């Protein structure tokens, strides 16, 4: 029998106690540890695109990451953090979602997950809740999947180089429709030190109407203050520009938000959570794995 992802959390953490390990090797070791049959190892998700056991190991690893017990070292590899090794030294019998709630980072992750969700739907979708309709459970599960993807995507973005990040933001804005249909409407400028501006989008073929971009790749908790907003405003003034977009992987302080509102130039602020949602919406750094069509009776047909 294939163990559930919460049962796998402790074994997944143990695999990375003493070394950096690839997720693939962890999966193979754990499959042997649980003595999974060949059929169990090859059992696929309904989508037919990933093995069920692999999927559950990845979910376990992802939740451990949100709690700060493991960290990603490079593509496909992870290792236990100091906190993760401290937990293992305490020899817990089990690590599950309730255990992870003792960590503020995991609570923050769950708060972000439910911040914009329908409370009734979230409560209805609790495991083994017979009062939840299949429709409610499906929608709540979709929100949970996107929340985990959002957190993982934002973490990956924080690890890329500044130049990569600037190109990513320009690529996102073009995908959102800024710059029209021109192929070279957007470009990164930060590497050339262009007066504190990291990118520019031409709204018309001649570049008469332009949107300038500031991109700050900061760690979570390193909030943007009003000084950075005023500096960006100054850079826009040098360009004689009226439109600017300030993007960060962290957050904006309340005073920074107010400063942006008070300045005459139109400055749009995009924080880390909003950035992750936009990347998902426009398939930047992620892709559709499966499309589920939810259908209902066509009453007009039977009339």
Protein backbone atom coordinates (compact mmCIF):
# COMPACT_ATOMS: atom_id res chain seq x y z
CA UNK A 1 0.00 0.00 0.00
CA UNK A 2 1.31 3.44 -0.94
CA UNK A 3 1.75 5.65 2.15
CA UNK A 4 0.07 9.06 2.21
CA UNK A 5 2.15 12.23 1.94
CA UNK A 6 1.95 13.08 5.65
CA UNK A 7 3.26 9.64 6.59
CA UNK A 8 6.14 10.29 4.20
CA UNK A 9 7.21 13.60 5.77
CA UNK A 10 9.48 12.11 8.45
CA UNK A 11 11.12 9.55 6.10
CA UNK A 12 11.68 12.25 3.46
CA UNK A 13 13.40 14.42 6.05
CA UNK A 14 15.55 11.52 7.28
CA UNK A 15 16.83 10.91 3.75
CA UNK A 16 18.48 14.33 3.79
CA UNK A 17 19.79 14.27 7.35
CA UNK A 18 23.49 13.91 6.51
CA UNK A 19 23.77 14.86 2.86
CA UNK A 20 22.36 16.63 -0.12
CA UNK A 21 20.19 14.13 -1.96
CA UNK A 22 18.33 14.14 -5.23
CA UNK A 23 14.58 13.73 -5.03
CA UNK A 24 14.86 10.83 -7.46
CA UNK A 25 17.25 8.94 -5.17
CA UNK A 26 15.04 9.68 -2.16
CA UNK A 27 12.04 8.25 -4.01
CA UNK A 28 13.90 5.08 -4.91
CA UNK A 29 15.20 4.57 -1.38
CA UNK A 30 11.78 5.14 0.17
CA UNK A 31 10.10 2.82 -2.29
CA UNK A 32 12.50 0.12 -1.12
CA UNK A 33 12.02 1.05 2.54
CA UNK A 34 8.25 0.61 2.22
CA UNK A 35 8.73 -2.54 0.12
CA UNK A 36 6.43 -1.27 -2.58
CA UNK A 37 5.54 -3.76 -5.26
CA UNK A 38 6.28 -2.99 -8.89
CA UNK A 39 2.60 -2.23 -9.43
CA UNK A 40 2.61 0.22 -6.52
CA UNK A 41 5.74 1.92 -7.81
CA UNK A 42 4.27 2.33 -11.28
CA UNK A 43 0.77 3.36 -10.23
CA UNK A 44 -0.02 6.65 -11.94
CA UNK A 45 -2.13 9.63 -10.99
CA UNK A 46 -5.41 9.96 -12.92
CA UNK A 47 -3.65 12.40 -15.25
CA UNK A 48 -1.26 9.61 -16.27
CA UNK A 49 1.67 12.07 -16.13
CA UNK A 50 3.25 11.25 -12.77
CA UNK A 51 3.58 8.25 -10.50
CA UNK A 52 1.44 8.46 -7.38
CA UNK A 53 4.29 7.64 -5.01
CA UNK A 54 6.56 10.25 -6.63
CA UNK A 55 3.82 12.83 -6.29
CA UNK A 56 3.34 12.13 -2.59
CA UNK A 57 7.07 12.33 -1.88
CA UNK A 58 7.19 15.70 -3.60
CA UNK A 59 4.22 16.99 -1.59
CA UNK A 60 5.91 15.85 1.63
CA UNK A 61 9.14 17.58 0.62
CA UNK A 62 7.27 20.74 -0.32
CA UNK A 63 5.53 20.98 3.05
CA UNK A 64 8.81 20.38 4.87
CA UNK A 65 10.29 23.20 2.82
CA UNK A 66 7.52 25.59 3.88
CA UNK A 67 8.21 24.76 7.54
CA UNK A 68 11.94 25.39 7.06
CA UNK A 69 13.02 21.81 7.75
CA UNK A 70 14.57 21.26 4.33
CA UNK A 71 15.92 23.59 1.67
CA UNK A 72 16.46 23.16 -2.06
CA UNK A 73 20.13 23.22 -3.01
CA UNK A 74 19.94 22.96 -6.79
CA UNK A 75 17.60 21.59 -9.38
CA UNK A 76 16.13 18.31 -8.14
CA UNK A 77 18.16 18.23 -4.91
CA UNK A 78 17.40 19.07 -1.29
CA UNK A 79 18.97 18.80 2.15
CA UNK A 80 17.88 19.09 5.77
CA UNK A 81 18.31 22.49 7.43
CA UNK A 82 19.77 22.95 10.91
CA UNK A 83 16.22 23.05 12.22
CA UNK A 84 15.40 19.86 10.36
CA UNK A 85 18.38 18.08 11.94
CA UNK A 86 17.31 19.42 15.33
CA UNK A 87 13.88 17.88 14.82
CA UNK A 88 15.42 14.53 13.86
CA UNK A 89 17.62 14.62 16.98
CA UNK A 90 14.40 14.74 19.03
CA UNK A 91 13.40 11.45 17.37
CA UNK A 92 9.71 12.26 16.69
CA UNK A 93 7.39 9.37 15.94
CA UNK A 94 5.68 11.26 13.12
CA UNK A 95 5.75 14.56 11.28
CA UNK A 96 2.50 15.74 9.76
CA UNK A 97 0.64 18.98 9.06
CA UNK A 98 -0.30 19.44 12.70
CA UNK A 99 3.35 19.03 13.70
CA UNK A 100 4.47 21.61 11.12
CA UNK A 101 2.04 24.19 12.47
CA UNK A 102 4.48 24.93 15.29
CA UNK A 103 6.59 26.84 12.75
CA UNK A 104 5.67 30.44 11.92
CA UNK A 105 6.80 30.03 8.32
CA UNK A 106 4.38 27.14 7.83
CA UNK A 107 1.56 29.09 9.47
CA UNK A 108 2.33 31.99 7.14
CA UNK A 109 2.15 29.58 4.22
CA UNK A 110 -1.26 28.35 5.36
CA UNK A 111 -2.45 31.92 5.90
CA UNK A 112 -1.43 32.86 2.37
CA UNK A 113 -3.15 29.74 1.12
CA UNK A 114 -6.48 30.69 2.64
CA UNK A 115 -6.27 34.46 2.51
CA UNK A 116 -8.39 34.90 -0.59
CA UNK A 117 -10.28 31.63 -0.50
CA UNK A 118 -13.91 31.02 0.24
CA UNK A 119 -14.07 30.08 3.92
CA UNK A 120 -17.12 27.93 3.43
CA UNK A 121 -15.40 25.99 0.66
CA UNK A 122 -12.21 25.55 2.68
CA UNK A 123 -14.11 24.27 5.71
CA UNK A 124 -16.21 22.00 3.54
CA UNK A 125 -13.14 20.38 2.02
CA UNK A 126 -11.64 19.05 5.21
CA UNK A 127 -10.67 15.38 4.92
CA UNK A 128 -13.41 12.89 5.74
CA UNK A 129 -16.04 15.65 5.85
CA UNK A 130 -19.11 13.99 4.37
CA UNK A 131 -20.97 17.32 4.24
CA UNK A 132 -18.70 18.63 1.47
CA UNK A 133 -19.91 18.26 -2.10
CA UNK A 134 -17.50 16.92 -4.72
CA UNK A 135 -17.61 20.35 -6.36
CA UNK A 136 -16.52 22.06 -3.12
CA UNK A 137 -13.74 19.55 -2.50
CA UNK A 138 -12.46 19.96 -6.07
CA UNK A 139 -12.29 23.75 -5.84
CA UNK A 140 -10.65 23.72 -2.41
CA UNK A 141 -8.08 21.17 -3.63
CA UNK A 142 -7.34 23.37 -6.65
CA UNK A 143 -6.66 26.32 -4.33
CA UNK A 144 -4.39 24.20 -2.17
CA UNK A 145 -2.39 23.01 -5.18
CA UNK A 146 -2.00 26.55 -6.51
CA UNK A 147 -0.98 27.80 -3.07
CA UNK A 148 1.81 25.24 -2.80
CA UNK A 149 2.89 26.03 -6.37
CA UNK A 150 2.87 29.75 -5.59
CA UNK A 151 5.15 29.33 -2.57
CA UNK A 152 7.56 27.05 -4.47
CA UNK A 153 7.60 29.33 -7.51
CA UNK A 154 8.36 32.41 -5.43
CA UNK A 155 11.17 30.57 -3.66
CA UNK A 156 12.71 29.61 -7.02
CA UNK A 157 12.45 33.20 -8.26
CA UNK A 158 14.32 34.44 -5.18
CA UNK A 159 17.21 32.12 -6.05
CA UNK A 160 17.77 33.28 -9.64
CA UNK A 161 20.34 35.90 -10.65
CA UNK A 162 19.35 39.60 -10.74
CA UNK A 163 19.67 39.61 -14.54
CA UNK A 164 17.42 36.55 -14.86
CA UNK A 165 14.88 38.18 -12.54
CA UNK A 166 14.78 41.38 -14.59
CA UNK A 167 14.27 39.41 -17.81
CA UNK A 168 11.55 37.35 -16.12
CA UNK A 169 9.60 40.47 -15.11
CA UNK A 170 9.78 41.92 -18.61
CA UNK A 171 8.70 38.54 -20.03
CA UNK A 172 5.74 38.47 -17.62
CA UNK A 173 4.59 41.97 -18.54
CA UNK A 174 4.73 41.14 -22.23
CA UNK A 175 2.71 37.97 -21.56
CA UNK A 176 0.14 40.13 -19.77
CA UNK A 177 -0.34 42.19 -22.92
CA UNK A 178 1.86 45.20 -22.27
CA UNK A 179 3.70 46.33 -25.37
CA UNK A 180 1.12 45.03 -27.81
CA UNK A 181 2.25 42.64 -30.53
CA UNK A 182 5.75 44.00 -31.13
CA UNK A 183 8.36 41.28 -30.63
CA UNK A 184 10.98 43.65 -29.18
CA UNK A 185 8.58 45.76 -27.09
CA UNK A 186 10.24 44.87 -23.79
CA UNK A 187 13.84 44.76 -22.65
CA UNK A 188 15.85 44.62 -19.46
CA UNK A 189 18.10 47.58 -18.69
CA UNK A 190 19.39 46.93 -15.19
CA UNK A 191 22.65 45.34 -16.26
CA UNK A 192 23.68 48.58 -17.96
CA UNK A 193 22.89 50.65 -14.86
CA UNK A 194 20.33 52.75 -16.68
CA UNK A 195 19.59 55.38 -13.99
CA UNK A 196 18.10 52.95 -11.51
CA UNK A 197 15.57 51.47 -13.96
CA UNK A 198 15.65 47.73 -14.64
CA UNK A 199 13.40 47.39 -17.67
CA UNK A 200 11.24 49.23 -20.15
CA UNK A 201 8.13 48.32 -22.15
CA UNK A 202 7.31 50.24 -25.35
CA UNK A 203 3.55 50.67 -25.55
CA UNK A 204 3.76 51.71 -29.19
CA UNK A 205 6.08 50.82 -32.08
CA UNK A 206 8.05 54.07 -31.81
CA UNK A 207 8.48 53.93 -28.04
CA UNK A 208 6.67 57.25 -27.50
CA UNK A 209 4.62 55.79 -24.64
CA UNK A 210 6.80 53.76 -22.30
CA UNK A 211 6.40 51.91 -18.99
CA UNK A 212 9.52 51.64 -16.84
CA UNK A 213 10.13 48.74 -14.48
CA UNK A 214 11.98 48.41 -11.18
CA UNK A 215 12.61 44.81 -10.02
CA UNK A 216 13.88 44.00 -6.53
CA UNK A 217 14.69 40.36 -5.76
CA UNK A 218 14.56 40.41 -1.95
CA UNK A 219 14.18 37.67 0.64
CA UNK A 220 10.90 37.26 2.47
CA UNK A 221 10.70 39.76 5.32
CA UNK A 222 13.01 42.32 3.67
CA UNK A 223 10.22 44.75 2.92
CA UNK A 224 10.51 47.67 0.52
CA UNK A 225 10.36 51.04 2.28
CA UNK A 226 9.29 54.49 1.05
CA UNK A 227 12.88 55.47 0.20
CA UNK A 228 13.02 52.91 -2.63
CA UNK A 229 9.72 54.24 -4.01
CA UNK A 230 11.02 57.82 -3.99
CA UNK A 231 14.23 56.69 -5.72
CA UNK A 232 12.15 55.01 -8.44
CA UNK A 233 10.06 58.16 -8.76
CA UNK A 234 13.28 60.13 -9.26
CA UNK A 235 14.41 57.70 -11.96
CA UNK A 236 11.07 58.09 -13.73
CA UNK A 237 11.41 61.86 -13.55
CA UNK A 238 14.80 61.67 -15.27
CA UNK A 239 13.13 59.68 -18.04
CA UNK A 240 10.19 62.12 -18.13
CA UNK A 241 8.01 59.04 -17.71
CA UNK A 242 4.50 58.93 -16.27
CA UNK A 243 4.13 55.18 -15.72
CA UNK A 244 6.15 52.80 -13.60
CA UNK A 245 5.82 49.27 -12.24
CA UNK A 246 7.74 48.31 -9.08
CA UNK A 247 8.02 44.55 -8.57
CA UNK A 248 9.50 42.78 -5.57
CA UNK A 249 9.67 39.20 -4.30
CA UNK A 250 9.10 40.49 -0.75
CA UNK A 251 6.48 43.03 0.40
CA UNK A 252 5.94 46.77 0.60
CA UNK A 253 5.69 48.57 3.93
CA UNK A 254 2.50 50.54 4.56
CA UNK A 255 4.47 53.78 4.25
CA UNK A 256 5.84 52.64 0.88
CA UNK A 257 2.32 51.98 -0.36
CA UNK A 258 1.19 55.41 0.82
CA UNK A 259 4.20 57.08 -0.80
CA UNK A 260 3.32 55.48 -4.14
CA UNK A 261 -0.23 56.81 -3.80
CA UNK A 262 0.92 60.32 -2.91
CA UNK A 263 3.31 60.74 -5.85
CA UNK A 264 1.86 62.25 -8.98
CA UNK A 265 3.36 59.67 -11.31
CA UNK A 266 1.37 56.46 -11.74
CA UNK A 267 3.39 53.75 -9.92
CA UNK A 268 1.94 50.26 -9.64
CA UNK A 269 3.29 48.04 -6.86
CA UNK A 270 3.46 44.24 -7.23
CA UNK A 271 4.57 42.28 -4.15
CA UNK A 272 5.78 38.69 -3.95
CA UNK A 273 2.39 37.06 -3.44
CA UNK A 274 0.82 38.95 -6.33
CA UNK A 275 3.85 38.21 -8.50
CA UNK A 276 3.49 34.47 -7.86
CA UNK A 277 -0.21 34.59 -8.77
CA UNK A 278 0.56 36.42 -12.01
CA UNK A 279 3.32 33.96 -12.94
CA UNK A 280 0.85 31.11 -12.48
CA UNK A 281 -1.94 32.87 -14.35
CA UNK A 282 0.26 33.58 -17.37
CA UNK A 283 2.25 30.33 -17.24
CA UNK A 284 5.63 31.95 -16.63
CA UNK A 285 7.97 29.51 -14.87
CA UNK A 286 5.22 26.87 -14.71
CA UNK A 287 3.01 24.97 -17.12
CA UNK A 288 -0.34 23.22 -17.25
CA UNK A 289 -0.01 19.62 -16.15
CA UNK A 290 -3.63 18.61 -16.58
CA UNK A 291 -6.92 20.25 -17.51
CA UNK A 292 -10.08 19.00 -15.82
CA UNK A 293 -13.38 19.81 -17.49
CA UNK A 294 -16.22 20.15 -14.96
CA UNK A 295 -19.50 19.72 -16.79
CA UNK A 296 -23.16 19.95 -15.86
CA UNK A 297 -26.51 19.04 -17.43
CA UNK A 298 -27.60 21.28 -20.29
CA UNK A 299 -31.16 22.03 -19.22
CA UNK A 300 -31.94 23.80 -22.50
CA UNK A 301 -31.13 20.61 -24.43
CA UNK A 302 -33.76 18.64 -22.53
CA UNK A 303 -36.36 21.39 -22.88
